[in-house]
């Protein structure tokens, strides 16, 4: 039993360590094609979320930042992503129908399309929330849950 707990603990630590992404270099930022700044980003994000939320008509979608260029390096099995990133805080109902806690979501947009989401409603595991919190802070969002 102690061996199993030790293995589980080691795996959990490894997963959390993978959340820390290496710093992005100026060269990587210059080499990425971010495309033009998105115009209809709020509508695109709302459409994406409403398809995935439990109670889309009543869920709270709080846009905390405007789009900014962001580059997420590849870490472990997570591929590299880049685009115009937006921090959104979402509050939706949980599986029991009660209001859940608000949670941060980072959305990457390129050419008016969502290309990647960290910690979306259908994202499970410890990595997405860690990325979203850190990226929301990098984007300048205040009071991120």
Protein backbone atom coordinates (compact mmCIF):
# COMPACT_ATOMS: atom_id res chain seq x y z
CA UNK A 1 0.00 0.00 0.00
CA UNK A 2 2.84 2.42 0.85
CA UNK A 3 4.50 1.66 -2.48
CA UNK A 4 1.29 2.45 -4.38
CA UNK A 5 0.88 5.75 -2.51
CA UNK A 6 4.52 6.64 -3.21
CA UNK A 7 4.06 5.96 -6.93
CA UNK A 8 0.87 8.03 -7.06
CA UNK A 9 2.58 10.88 -5.22
CA UNK A 10 5.58 10.76 -7.60
CA UNK A 11 3.31 10.85 -10.64
CA UNK A 12 1.32 13.78 -9.23
CA UNK A 13 4.55 15.70 -8.58
CA UNK A 14 5.76 15.01 -12.11
CA UNK A 15 2.49 16.27 -13.57
CA UNK A 16 2.61 19.45 -11.53
CA UNK A 17 6.25 20.02 -12.45
CA UNK A 18 5.25 19.81 -16.12
CA UNK A 19 2.97 22.82 -15.58
CA UNK A 20 5.97 25.15 -15.40
CA UNK A 21 6.71 26.12 -18.97
CA UNK A 22 10.10 27.39 -20.10
CA UNK A 23 10.45 31.09 -20.88
CA UNK A 24 9.70 32.12 -24.46
CA UNK A 25 12.58 33.77 -26.32
CA UNK A 26 12.29 36.93 -28.43
CA UNK A 27 13.29 34.84 -31.45
CA UNK A 28 10.38 32.43 -30.89
CA UNK A 29 7.94 35.34 -30.61
CA UNK A 30 9.27 36.95 -33.80
CA UNK A 31 9.12 33.63 -35.69
CA UNK A 32 5.47 32.91 -34.85
CA UNK A 33 2.72 33.94 -37.26
CA UNK A 34 0.03 35.36 -34.97
CA UNK A 35 -2.06 36.69 -37.85
CA UNK A 36 -4.08 39.90 -37.59
CA UNK A 37 -5.63 40.94 -34.27
CA UNK A 38 -9.04 39.28 -33.91
CA UNK A 39 -12.13 41.47 -34.35
CA UNK A 40 -14.98 39.13 -33.36
CA UNK A 41 -13.15 37.42 -30.49
CA UNK A 42 -15.90 37.85 -27.88
CA UNK A 43 -18.53 36.26 -30.10
CA UNK A 44 -16.19 33.41 -31.05
CA UNK A 45 -15.37 32.64 -27.40
CA UNK A 46 -19.01 32.88 -26.30
CA UNK A 47 -20.08 30.48 -29.08
CA UNK A 48 -17.33 28.04 -28.12
CA UNK A 49 -18.22 28.10 -24.43
CA UNK A 50 -22.00 27.95 -24.87
CA UNK A 51 -21.62 24.63 -26.72
CA UNK A 52 -19.74 23.17 -23.74
CA UNK A 53 -21.34 24.69 -20.61
CA UNK A 54 -23.97 22.89 -18.50
CA UNK A 55 -26.22 25.96 -18.24
CA UNK A 56 -25.21 28.22 -21.15
CA UNK A 57 -28.19 30.55 -20.78
CA UNK A 58 -27.27 31.49 -17.19
CA UNK A 59 -23.51 30.90 -17.03
CA UNK A 60 -21.34 33.92 -16.30
CA UNK A 61 -18.60 34.61 -18.86
CA UNK A 62 -16.32 37.41 -17.67
CA UNK A 63 -13.74 38.69 -20.20
CA UNK A 64 -10.80 39.79 -18.06
CA UNK A 65 -8.43 40.89 -20.83
CA UNK A 66 -8.32 42.05 -24.43
CA UNK A 67 -6.47 39.81 -26.93
CA UNK A 68 -2.68 39.86 -26.67
CA UNK A 69 -0.06 37.88 -28.53
CA UNK A 70 1.03 34.82 -26.55
CA UNK A 71 3.29 31.86 -27.23
CA UNK A 72 2.99 28.66 -25.17
CA UNK A 73 6.06 26.46 -25.53
CA UNK A 74 5.83 22.70 -25.93
CA UNK A 75 6.17 20.97 -22.59
CA UNK A 76 6.29 17.19 -22.42
CA UNK A 77 3.42 15.87 -24.53
CA UNK A 78 1.62 19.24 -24.69
CA UNK A 79 2.29 20.76 -28.12
CA UNK A 80 3.32 24.37 -28.73
CA UNK A 81 0.49 26.92 -29.21
CA UNK A 82 0.49 30.56 -30.20
CA UNK A 83 -2.04 33.19 -31.12
CA UNK A 84 -3.98 36.10 -29.69
CA UNK A 85 -4.77 35.01 -26.13
CA UNK A 86 -7.68 36.15 -23.96
CA UNK A 87 -8.30 35.49 -20.27
CA UNK A 88 -11.89 34.59 -19.42
CA UNK A 89 -13.36 33.65 -16.05
CA UNK A 90 -16.33 31.29 -16.24
CA UNK A 91 -18.94 30.35 -13.65
CA UNK A 92 -21.34 27.55 -14.52
CA UNK A 93 -23.47 24.98 -12.76
CA UNK A 94 -21.84 21.76 -11.59
CA UNK A 95 -23.07 18.19 -12.12
CA UNK A 96 -25.48 18.51 -9.15
CA UNK A 97 -27.04 21.68 -10.59
CA UNK A 98 -25.54 24.05 -7.99
CA UNK A 99 -23.34 26.97 -8.98
CA UNK A 100 -19.70 25.95 -9.22
CA UNK A 101 -16.71 28.09 -8.34
CA UNK A 102 -15.49 30.49 -11.05
CA UNK A 103 -12.47 29.24 -12.97
CA UNK A 104 -9.99 30.84 -15.42
CA UNK A 105 -9.82 29.89 -19.09
CA UNK A 106 -7.18 30.99 -21.60
CA UNK A 107 -8.30 31.04 -25.24
CA UNK A 108 -5.87 31.26 -28.17
CA UNK A 109 -7.25 32.74 -31.42
CA UNK A 110 -5.64 32.92 -34.86
CA UNK A 111 -7.38 34.14 -38.02
CA UNK A 112 -10.68 34.63 -36.12
CA UNK A 113 -10.73 30.95 -35.07
CA UNK A 114 -10.06 29.37 -31.69
CA UNK A 115 -6.93 27.23 -32.03
CA UNK A 116 -6.42 26.20 -28.40
CA UNK A 117 -8.05 26.48 -24.96
CA UNK A 118 -6.48 25.94 -21.54
CA UNK A 119 -8.89 24.89 -18.77
CA UNK A 120 -12.07 24.94 -20.85
CA UNK A 121 -15.29 23.29 -19.59
CA UNK A 122 -14.31 19.98 -21.21
CA UNK A 123 -10.67 20.10 -20.02
CA UNK A 124 -9.79 17.77 -17.15
CA UNK A 125 -6.61 17.42 -15.10
CA UNK A 126 -4.20 19.65 -13.19
CA UNK A 127 -2.28 21.10 -16.14
CA UNK A 128 -5.06 23.20 -17.76
CA UNK A 129 -5.95 25.18 -14.62
CA UNK A 130 -2.27 25.86 -13.85
CA UNK A 131 -1.62 27.12 -17.40
CA UNK A 132 -4.78 29.25 -17.40
CA UNK A 133 -4.03 30.93 -14.05
CA UNK A 134 -0.44 31.72 -15.00
CA UNK A 135 -1.36 32.91 -18.49
CA UNK A 136 -4.21 35.10 -17.21
CA UNK A 137 -1.73 36.82 -14.90
CA UNK A 138 0.74 37.25 -17.80
CA UNK A 139 -2.07 38.81 -19.85
CA UNK A 140 -2.67 41.33 -17.07
CA UNK A 141 -5.87 39.94 -15.53
CA UNK A 142 -6.54 40.92 -11.93
CA UNK A 143 -8.11 38.74 -9.22
CA UNK A 144 -7.91 35.45 -11.13
CA UNK A 145 -9.53 32.62 -9.13
